[in-house]
Amino acid sequence: MTFFLTRWFYALMQFIYGLFNNDYFLTILVVTILLRIVQIFPDISNRKTQIKMAVVQPKIQALQKKYADDPQKLRLEQSKLMKEQGVSTFSSCLPMLLTIPLFFCFLSAFRTWGNEDTITLMYETAITQTMDEGSAERAYAEETAMDTFKSFKFLWTQNIWQPDCFIDGSFLIFRFDGEVITRPATLSMINSVSLANMPLLQNGYTDSRGRTVSGEEIWQTLVDSGLAAGTYGDAGNAGGCSACSSCSTDRSGMMLLPAEVDPAIADKMLGEQTAVASIDPVTGEDTPQSTATGTDIYKSLMQRYPDAISKDGRTPANGFLIMPLFAALFQFLSMFITNRRNKKNGQQDQQAKQMNSMMYFMPIFSFLICLSSTTAFAFYWTISGAFQLISSIIINAVFDRKKKDDVEVSA
């Protein structure tokens, strides 16, 4: 999360999250509405451009017939006509140009937020293993961890940081799963740069019971529990694009769920003998080597949460595909209304044809992205689509009324 817009959006969400007493629903709802309100202004500008285009369309068609054999002359005359009529093709593309970067910035911000909350749960769960069985300290820590796990419940999903989905499998670049607890593979893919720059690990946090924990304490606890490896603050040795955390896969510094865990740590965390003897080639002595991994410890710890990880070979369901389906539906309806309006206004230019093809592409794209991303992002994208649909209907009604009034006045 190194791009400045992503950091700003993340900071905005965290501020509102604290303002609304750590309520995910209100946080995402308010942030989405605020951003859609900002996007209304270029949307209104786009509607004005469409009206002007409808007026100038017959003249453009006449030019196309007149200069059918001279494309260069056609472009010059068409550009001249558009300038005279005050029509800008760029303004009609502005809403889309704003939506695309917002989409990817929020996707990254929600991913970071989800990773942080998952790491917080890992820390709070792991720290209970360092305390005496039956002690008040351990009971306090276990209750804190359970509070964190329960806070992930969102609407009908068990975990807001997992997809609203019950399918287990994969398709192309998309991850379809219904597990309640974040998959180990997802955590092990977080690179050293991302971990070193993660706000949680830099600034720490205050738990649900008011205790302040530093980022260094979180990391050291994870290392001591076999859930992490590497020196605190080490961003690794990624070369070239190491500053871009989204494309770096370097894990030479800080890393989660290492492939090898110290035998003593593995025994402490798993409560069983996990080491095998190995002869040292130099000394000839037997040296214990752990057969356990950070993933093994993670799975063992997460088993304590209700229906967190499959215990009978079946993947626990996190949701029912509701959010991805609604996201696709609102995208389709919004683009359908826009496309229908363009046809009503007689727009048959290249832009109108592109909008027609996007009417089918965007809903499918939205469905797949929401199916493979977190429920938090899917909720944001669904609310954004619903707000866009409602605002489009209202703006269209206002412009239609204005157009009718203008016709009555001129008559």
Protein backbone atom coordinates (compact mmCIF):
# COMPACT_ATOMS: atom_id res chain seq x y z
CA MET A 1 0.00 0.00 0.00
CA THR A 2 2.46 2.61 -1.23
CA PHE A 3 0.31 4.59 -3.70
CA PHE A 4 -0.75 7.86 -2.08
CA LEU A 5 -4.45 7.60 -3.06
CA THR A 6 -4.66 4.13 -1.54
CA ARG A 7 -3.12 5.41 1.68
CA TRP A 8 -5.56 8.34 1.77
CA PHE A 9 -8.59 6.09 1.22
CA TYR A 10 -7.34 3.68 3.88
CA ALA A 11 -6.80 6.57 6.34
CA LEU A 12 -10.28 7.93 5.54
CA MET A 13 -11.90 4.56 6.23
CA GLN A 14 -9.98 4.13 9.47
CA PHE A 15 -11.02 7.62 10.63
CA ILE A 16 -14.70 6.99 9.91
CA TYR A 17 -14.42 3.48 11.40
CA GLY A 18 -13.31 5.00 14.70
CA LEU A 19 -15.91 7.77 14.42
CA PHE A 20 -18.73 5.20 14.17
CA ASN A 21 -17.46 3.06 17.05
CA ASN A 22 -15.82 0.39 14.86
CA ASP A 23 -18.90 -0.33 12.75
CA TYR A 24 -17.97 -1.85 9.38
CA PHE A 25 -21.43 -1.35 7.88
CA LEU A 26 -21.66 2.40 8.56
CA THR A 27 -18.02 2.97 7.64
CA ILE A 28 -18.32 1.44 4.18
CA LEU A 29 -21.74 2.99 3.60
CA VAL A 30 -20.63 6.54 4.48
CA VAL A 31 -17.35 6.33 2.53
CA THR A 32 -19.16 5.01 -0.55
CA ILE A 33 -21.83 7.71 -0.46
CA LEU A 34 -19.23 10.46 0.00
CA LEU A 35 -17.29 9.26 -3.04
CA ARG A 36 -20.40 8.85 -5.18
CA ILE A 37 -21.47 12.41 -4.30
CA VAL A 38 -18.10 13.65 -5.58
CA GLN A 39 -18.61 11.65 -8.78
CA ILE A 40 -22.06 13.14 -9.38
CA PHE A 41 -20.60 16.39 -10.75
CA PRO A 42 -18.72 14.81 -13.68
CA ASP A 43 -21.78 12.61 -14.22
CA ILE A 44 -23.97 15.72 -14.62
CA SER A 45 -21.39 17.14 -17.02
CA ASN A 46 -21.60 13.90 -18.98
CA ARG A 47 -25.39 14.21 -19.25
CA LYS A 48 -25.03 17.74 -20.63
CA THR A 49 -22.55 16.46 -23.19
CA GLN A 50 -24.95 13.71 -24.22
CA ILE A 51 -27.73 16.26 -24.80
CA LYS A 52 -25.42 18.36 -26.97
CA MET A 53 -24.33 15.24 -28.84
CA ALA A 54 -27.96 14.36 -29.56
CA VAL A 55 -28.44 17.81 -31.10
CA VAL A 56 -25.29 17.69 -33.19
CA GLN A 57 -25.67 14.03 -34.25
CA PRO A 58 -27.62 14.76 -37.49
CA LYS A 59 -24.90 17.21 -38.57
CA ILE A 60 -22.20 14.63 -37.89
CA GLN A 61 -24.07 12.06 -39.98
CA ALA A 62 -24.31 14.59 -42.81
CA LEU A 63 -20.55 15.15 -42.64
CA GLN A 64 -19.94 11.41 -42.71
CA LYS A 65 -21.90 11.11 -45.94
CA LYS A 66 -20.26 14.19 -47.47
CA TYR A 67 -16.69 13.14 -46.70
CA ALA A 68 -17.09 9.38 -46.88
CA ASP A 69 -14.06 9.13 -49.20
CA ASP A 70 -11.87 11.57 -47.27
CA PRO A 71 -11.35 10.39 -43.64
CA GLN A 72 -8.82 13.13 -42.86
CA LYS A 73 -11.17 15.89 -43.99
CA LEU A 74 -14.01 14.24 -42.06
CA ARG A 75 -11.99 14.30 -38.83
CA LEU A 76 -11.13 17.98 -39.30
CA GLU A 77 -14.70 19.03 -40.06
CA GLN A 78 -16.11 16.89 -37.27
CA SER A 79 -13.64 18.36 -34.78
CA LYS A 80 -14.52 21.87 -35.97
CA LEU A 81 -18.24 21.19 -35.58
CA MET A 82 -17.80 19.75 -32.07
CA LYS A 83 -15.80 22.81 -31.05
CA GLU A 84 -18.40 25.21 -32.41
CA GLN A 85 -21.18 23.39 -30.56
CA GLY A 86 -19.18 23.25 -27.31
CA VAL A 87 -19.11 19.45 -27.22
CA SER A 88 -16.16 17.72 -25.53
CA THR A 89 -15.74 13.98 -25.94
CA PHE A 90 -13.31 13.97 -23.01
CA SER A 91 -15.99 15.11 -20.55
CA SER A 92 -18.15 12.14 -21.49
CA CYS A 93 -15.27 9.81 -20.57
CA LEU A 94 -14.50 11.56 -17.28
CA PRO A 95 -16.87 9.50 -15.06
CA MET A 96 -15.26 6.28 -16.30
CA LEU A 97 -11.74 7.72 -15.88
CA LEU A 98 -12.59 8.57 -12.26
CA THR A 99 -14.22 5.22 -11.50
CA ILE A 100 -11.32 3.02 -12.65
CA PRO A 101 -8.58 4.40 -10.33
CA LEU A 102 -11.05 4.56 -7.43
CA PHE A 103 -11.90 0.92 -8.04
CA PHE A 104 -8.30 -0.30 -7.82
CA CYS A 105 -7.33 2.02 -4.96
CA PHE A 106 -10.23 0.81 -2.85
CA LEU A 107 -9.53 -2.81 -3.79
CA SER A 108 -5.99 -2.37 -2.45
CA ALA A 109 -7.13 -0.43 0.65
CA PHE A 110 -9.68 -3.11 1.58
CA ARG A 111 -7.07 -5.82 1.03
CA THR A 112 -4.69 -4.05 3.42
CA TRP A 113 -7.42 -3.58 6.00
CA GLY A 114 -8.36 -7.26 5.77
CA ASN A 115 -4.74 -8.37 6.10
CA GLU A 116 -4.30 -6.16 9.17
CA ASP A 117 -7.40 -7.51 10.90
CA THR A 118 -6.33 -11.08 10.15
CA ILE A 119 -2.84 -10.43 11.53
CA THR A 120 -4.46 -8.87 14.61
CA LEU A 121 -6.48 -12.06 15.15
CA MET A 122 -3.33 -14.16 14.64
CA TYR A 123 -1.49 -12.11 17.27
CA GLU A 124 -4.33 -12.19 19.80
CA THR A 125 -4.73 -15.94 19.33
CA ALA A 126 -1.02 -16.71 19.48
CA ILE A 127 -0.37 -14.68 22.62
CA THR A 128 -2.69 -16.93 24.63
CA GLN A 129 -0.15 -19.74 24.16
CA THR A 130 2.46 -17.75 26.08
CA MET A 131 0.32 -17.62 29.22
CA ASP A 132 -0.28 -20.15 31.96
CA GLU A 133 -3.25 -22.47 31.53
CA GLY A 134 -6.22 -21.30 33.60
CA SER A 135 -4.69 -17.92 34.49
CA ALA A 136 -6.69 -14.69 34.47
CA GLU A 137 -4.28 -13.27 31.90
CA ARG A 138 -4.95 -16.13 29.51
CA ALA A 139 -8.71 -15.89 29.98
CA TYR A 140 -8.53 -12.16 29.21
CA ALA A 141 -6.46 -12.78 26.07
CA GLU A 142 -8.78 -15.55 24.85
CA GLU A 143 -11.85 -13.36 25.33
CA THR A 144 -10.15 -10.51 23.46
CA ALA A 145 -9.32 -12.81 20.53
CA MET A 146 -12.87 -14.15 20.44
CA ASP A 147 -14.23 -10.57 20.44
CA THR A 148 -12.06 -9.83 17.40
CA PHE A 149 -13.22 -12.96 15.59
CA LYS A 150 -16.88 -12.19 16.29
CA SER A 151 -16.43 -8.61 15.06
CA PHE A 152 -15.67 -10.00 11.58
CA LYS A 153 -19.28 -11.17 11.21
CA PHE A 154 -21.02 -8.95 8.67
CA LEU A 155 -24.65 -9.24 7.59
CA TRP A 156 -25.03 -12.89 6.49
CA THR A 157 -21.28 -13.63 6.16
CA GLN A 158 -19.17 -15.03 8.98
CA ASN A 159 -16.06 -13.06 8.01
CA ILE A 160 -16.11 -9.68 6.24
CA TRP A 161 -12.51 -10.30 5.09
CA GLN A 162 -13.43 -13.40 3.12
CA PRO A 163 -15.53 -13.59 -0.09
CA ASP A 164 -19.32 -13.81 0.12
CA CYS A 165 -19.16 -17.23 -1.47
CA PHE A 166 -19.70 -20.93 -0.81
CA ILE A 167 -17.79 -22.38 -3.77
CA ASP A 168 -14.49 -24.16 -3.19
CA GLY A 169 -12.09 -24.11 -6.12
CA SER A 170 -10.37 -21.72 -8.51
CA PHE A 171 -10.82 -20.30 -11.99
CA LEU A 172 -8.11 -18.36 -13.85
CA ILE A 173 -6.88 -15.50 -11.61
CA PHE A 174 -9.96 -15.56 -9.40
CA ARG A 175 -10.10 -17.24 -6.01
CA PHE A 176 -13.44 -18.85 -5.26
CA ASP A 177 -13.72 -20.15 -1.74
CA GLY A 178 -16.08 -20.11 1.15
CA GLU A 179 -13.69 -20.53 4.06
CA VAL A 180 -14.44 -18.44 7.12
CA ILE A 181 -10.80 -17.95 8.13
CA THR A 182 -8.37 -16.45 5.61
CA ARG A 183 -6.49 -19.13 3.75
CA PRO A 184 -2.82 -19.62 4.68
CA ALA A 185 -1.79 -19.22 1.02
CA THR A 186 -3.25 -15.72 1.01
CA LEU A 187 -1.21 -14.70 4.06
CA SER A 188 2.02 -16.27 2.79
CA MET A 189 1.71 -14.21 -0.43
CA ILE A 190 2.05 -10.89 1.46
CA ASN A 191 5.52 -9.63 0.56
CA SER A 192 8.14 -8.05 2.79
CA VAL A 193 7.55 -4.53 1.46
CA SER A 194 3.84 -4.69 2.31
CA LEU A 195 4.52 -5.99 5.80
CA ALA A 196 7.19 -3.40 6.54
CA ASN A 197 4.86 -0.60 5.40
CA MET A 198 1.69 -1.96 7.00
CA PRO A 199 0.17 0.70 9.31
CA LEU A 200 -0.73 -1.93 11.92
CA LEU A 201 2.87 -3.11 12.21
CA GLN A 202 4.25 0.43 12.13
CA ASN A 203 1.85 2.06 14.58
CA GLY A 204 0.31 -0.78 16.58
CA TYR A 205 -3.32 -0.72 17.72
CA THR A 206 -5.65 -0.66 20.73
CA ASP A 207 -7.54 -3.90 21.31
CA SER A 208 -11.25 -4.27 22.09
CA ARG A 209 -10.55 -4.02 25.82
CA GLY A 210 -8.46 -0.84 25.65
CA ARG A 211 -4.94 -2.30 25.77
CA THR A 212 -2.43 -0.60 23.47
CA VAL A 213 -0.07 -2.91 21.58
CA SER A 214 2.94 -1.74 19.58
CA GLY A 215 3.71 -2.99 16.09
CA GLU A 216 7.04 -4.41 17.25
CA GLU A 217 5.31 -6.39 20.02
CA ILE A 218 2.83 -7.82 17.51
CA TRP A 219 5.62 -8.92 15.18
CA GLN A 220 7.81 -10.39 17.92
CA THR A 221 4.88 -12.42 19.26
CA LEU A 222 4.21 -13.81 15.78
CA VAL A 223 7.89 -14.69 15.34
CA ASP A 224 8.04 -16.35 18.77
CA SER A 225 4.93 -18.37 17.85
CA GLY A 226 6.32 -19.62 14.52
CA LEU A 227 3.74 -17.61 12.55
CA ALA A 228 6.30 -15.17 11.15
CA ALA A 229 10.00 -14.84 10.43
CA GLY A 230 12.40 -11.99 9.73
CA THR A 231 13.53 -8.85 11.48
CA TYR A 232 10.95 -6.23 12.36
CA GLY A 233 10.93 -3.45 9.74
CA ASP A 234 12.95 -5.44 7.15
CA ALA A 235 11.41 -4.82 3.72
CA GLY A 236 13.55 -7.46 2.03
CA ASN A 237 15.78 -7.31 -1.02
CA ALA A 238 13.28 -6.86 -3.83
CA GLY A 239 14.99 -5.18 -6.75
CA GLY A 240 13.75 -2.76 -9.38
CA CYS A 241 10.13 -2.19 -8.42
CA SER A 242 10.56 -2.95 -4.71
CA ALA A 243 8.77 0.29 -3.85
CA CYS A 244 5.62 -1.06 -5.46
CA SER A 245 4.19 -3.44 -2.92
CA SER A 246 1.47 -4.66 -5.27
CA CYS A 247 3.86 -6.24 -7.77
CA SER A 248 6.73 -7.40 -5.56
CA THR A 249 6.84 -11.01 -4.43
CA ASP A 250 10.01 -10.67 -2.36
CA ARG A 251 9.88 -12.39 1.06
CA SER A 252 13.55 -12.13 2.01
CA GLY A 253 12.71 -9.84 4.93
CA MET A 254 9.56 -9.97 7.03
CA MET A 255 7.33 -12.91 6.10
CA LEU A 256 4.26 -14.67 7.41
CA LEU A 257 3.85 -18.43 7.82
CA PRO A 258 7.44 -19.54 7.16
CA ALA A 259 8.16 -22.95 5.65
CA GLU A 260 10.47 -23.89 8.54
CA VAL A 261 9.81 -23.41 12.26
CA ASP A 262 12.16 -23.93 15.18
CA PRO A 263 11.43 -27.36 16.74
CA ALA A 264 11.05 -25.89 20.23
CA ILE A 265 8.51 -23.34 19.01
CA ALA A 266 6.63 -25.97 17.02
CA ASP A 267 6.40 -28.25 20.07
CA LYS A 268 5.13 -25.39 22.24
CA MET A 269 2.51 -24.24 19.76
CA LEU A 270 1.30 -27.64 18.53
CA GLY A 271 1.62 -29.49 21.82
CA GLU A 272 3.15 -32.56 20.23
CA GLN A 273 6.51 -33.88 19.07
CA THR A 274 7.14 -32.34 15.64
CA ALA A 275 10.89 -32.79 15.34
CA VAL A 276 12.91 -35.53 13.65
CA ALA A 277 16.58 -36.35 14.11
CA SER A 278 19.01 -35.30 11.41
CA ILE A 279 22.76 -35.98 11.39
CA ASP A 280 24.89 -32.85 11.15
CA PRO A 281 27.42 -33.43 8.27
CA VAL A 282 30.15 -31.49 10.13
CA THR A 283 29.88 -32.71 13.75
CA GLY A 284 28.18 -36.04 13.06
CA GLU A 285 25.74 -35.37 15.89
CA ASP A 286 21.98 -35.76 15.79
CA THR A 287 20.29 -32.38 15.32
CA PRO A 288 16.53 -31.98 15.74
CA GLN A 289 14.78 -30.47 12.76
CA SER A 290 11.17 -29.37 12.76
CA THR A 291 8.72 -30.93 10.36
CA ALA A 292 6.11 -28.27 11.19
CA THR A 293 5.51 -25.07 9.24
CA GLY A 294 3.95 -21.73 10.04
CA THR A 295 0.88 -22.89 8.14
CA ASP A 296 0.52 -25.91 10.44
CA ILE A 297 0.59 -23.65 13.49
CA TYR A 298 -1.85 -21.20 11.93
CA LYS A 299 -4.36 -23.94 11.14
CA SER A 300 -4.02 -25.39 14.61
CA LEU A 301 -4.68 -22.02 16.27
CA MET A 302 -7.64 -21.18 14.06
CA GLN A 303 -9.40 -24.47 14.84
CA ARG A 304 -10.57 -22.96 18.13
CA TYR A 305 -13.04 -20.64 16.38
CA PRO A 306 -16.53 -21.94 15.53
CA ASP A 307 -16.74 -23.31 11.99
CA ALA A 308 -13.49 -21.53 11.09
CA ILE A 309 -11.70 -24.35 9.26
CA SER A 310 -13.15 -27.54 7.87
CA LYS A 311 -12.95 -30.43 10.30
CA ASP A 312 -14.76 -32.98 8.11
CA GLY A 313 -13.23 -32.40 4.68
CA ARG A 314 -15.86 -29.86 3.63
CA THR A 315 -15.19 -26.16 3.31
CA PRO A 316 -17.31 -24.08 5.72
CA ALA A 317 -19.53 -21.61 3.90
CA ASN A 318 -18.87 -17.91 4.48
CA GLY A 319 -21.75 -16.58 2.40
CA PHE A 320 -24.33 -17.24 -0.29
CA LEU A 321 -23.14 -15.23 -3.37
CA ILE A 322 -25.64 -12.48 -2.52
CA MET A 323 -23.25 -9.52 -2.67
CA PRO A 324 -21.55 -10.47 -5.98
CA LEU A 325 -24.95 -11.01 -7.60
CA PHE A 326 -26.30 -7.65 -6.39
CA ALA A 327 -23.10 -5.91 -7.53
CA ALA A 328 -23.55 -7.35 -11.03
CA LEU A 329 -27.27 -6.51 -11.07
CA PHE A 330 -26.79 -2.83 -10.16
CA GLN A 331 -23.98 -2.47 -12.71
CA PHE A 332 -26.20 -3.93 -15.43
CA LEU A 333 -29.23 -1.77 -14.58
CA SER A 334 -27.16 1.41 -14.42
CA MET A 335 -25.54 0.80 -17.79
CA PHE A 336 -28.82 -0.40 -19.29
CA ILE A 337 -30.50 2.90 -18.38
CA THR A 338 -27.60 4.88 -19.85
CA ASN A 339 -27.59 2.82 -23.04
CA ARG A 340 -31.36 3.11 -23.42
CA ARG A 341 -31.15 6.88 -22.99
CA ASN A 342 -28.45 7.13 -25.66
CA LYS A 343 -30.66 5.26 -28.11
CA LYS A 344 -33.62 7.47 -27.20
CA ASN A 345 -31.53 10.53 -27.98
CA GLY A 346 -30.50 9.06 -31.31
CA GLN A 347 -26.89 8.47 -30.34
CA GLN A 348 -25.41 5.79 -32.56
CA ASP A 349 -21.78 6.93 -32.57
CA GLN A 350 -18.75 4.86 -31.58
CA GLN A 351 -19.11 5.80 -27.91
CA ALA A 352 -22.71 4.56 -27.85
CA LYS A 353 -21.60 1.24 -29.36
CA GLN A 354 -18.89 0.90 -26.75
CA MET A 355 -21.42 1.56 -23.98
CA ASN A 356 -23.59 -1.19 -25.41
CA SER A 357 -20.76 -3.73 -25.16
CA MET A 358 -19.80 -2.50 -21.67
CA MET A 359 -23.38 -3.12 -20.54
CA TYR A 360 -22.62 -6.84 -20.61
CA PHE A 361 -18.91 -6.80 -19.75
CA MET A 362 -19.06 -4.72 -16.54
CA PRO A 363 -21.67 -6.85 -14.71
CA ILE A 364 -19.66 -10.04 -15.41
CA PHE A 365 -16.44 -8.30 -14.35
CA SER A 366 -18.09 -6.99 -11.16
CA PHE A 367 -19.43 -10.44 -10.29
CA LEU A 368 -16.05 -12.14 -10.67
CA ILE A 369 -14.14 -9.44 -8.78
CA CYS A 370 -16.62 -9.42 -5.88
CA LEU A 371 -16.63 -13.21 -5.83
CA SER A 372 -12.85 -13.34 -5.46
CA SER A 373 -12.38 -10.31 -3.21
CA THR A 374 -13.46 -9.61 0.37
CA THR A 375 -17.08 -9.14 1.39
CA ALA A 376 -16.08 -5.64 2.54
CA PHE A 377 -15.06 -4.63 -0.97
CA ALA A 378 -18.07 -6.38 -2.52
CA PHE A 379 -20.34 -4.37 -0.20
CA TYR A 380 -18.61 -1.14 -1.22
CA TRP A 381 -18.96 -1.98 -4.92
CA THR A 382 -22.61 -3.00 -4.50
CA ILE A 383 -23.54 0.21 -2.64
CA SER A 384 -21.60 2.23 -5.21
CA GLY A 385 -23.54 0.59 -8.03
CA ALA A 386 -26.87 1.11 -6.28
CA PHE A 387 -26.08 4.78 -5.64
CA GLN A 388 -25.02 5.23 -9.26
CA LEU A 389 -28.28 3.66 -10.44
CA ILE A 390 -30.42 5.91 -8.24
CA SER A 391 -28.48 9.06 -9.13
CA SER A 392 -28.73 8.23 -12.86
CA ILE A 393 -32.50 7.89 -12.61
CA ILE A 394 -32.80 11.21 -10.75
CA ILE A 395 -30.41 13.10 -13.07
CA ASN A 396 -32.16 11.73 -16.15
CA ALA A 397 -35.55 12.79 -14.75
CA VAL A 398 -34.25 16.32 -14.02
CA PHE A 399 -32.80 16.73 -17.51
CA ASP A 400 -35.90 15.30 -19.16
CA ARG A 401 -38.04 17.79 -17.23
CA LYS A 402 -35.75 20.65 -18.20
CA LYS A 403 -35.86 19.59 -21.84
CA LYS A 404 -39.67 19.46 -21.73
CA ASP A 405 -39.85 22.93 -20.14
CA ASP A 406 -37.52 24.32 -22.81
CA VAL A 407 -39.74 22.90 -25.55
CA GLU A 408 -42.86 24.39 -23.97
CA VAL A 409 -41.21 27.81 -23.65
CA SER A 410 -40.02 27.81 -27.26
CA ALA A 411 -43.50 26.80 -28.44
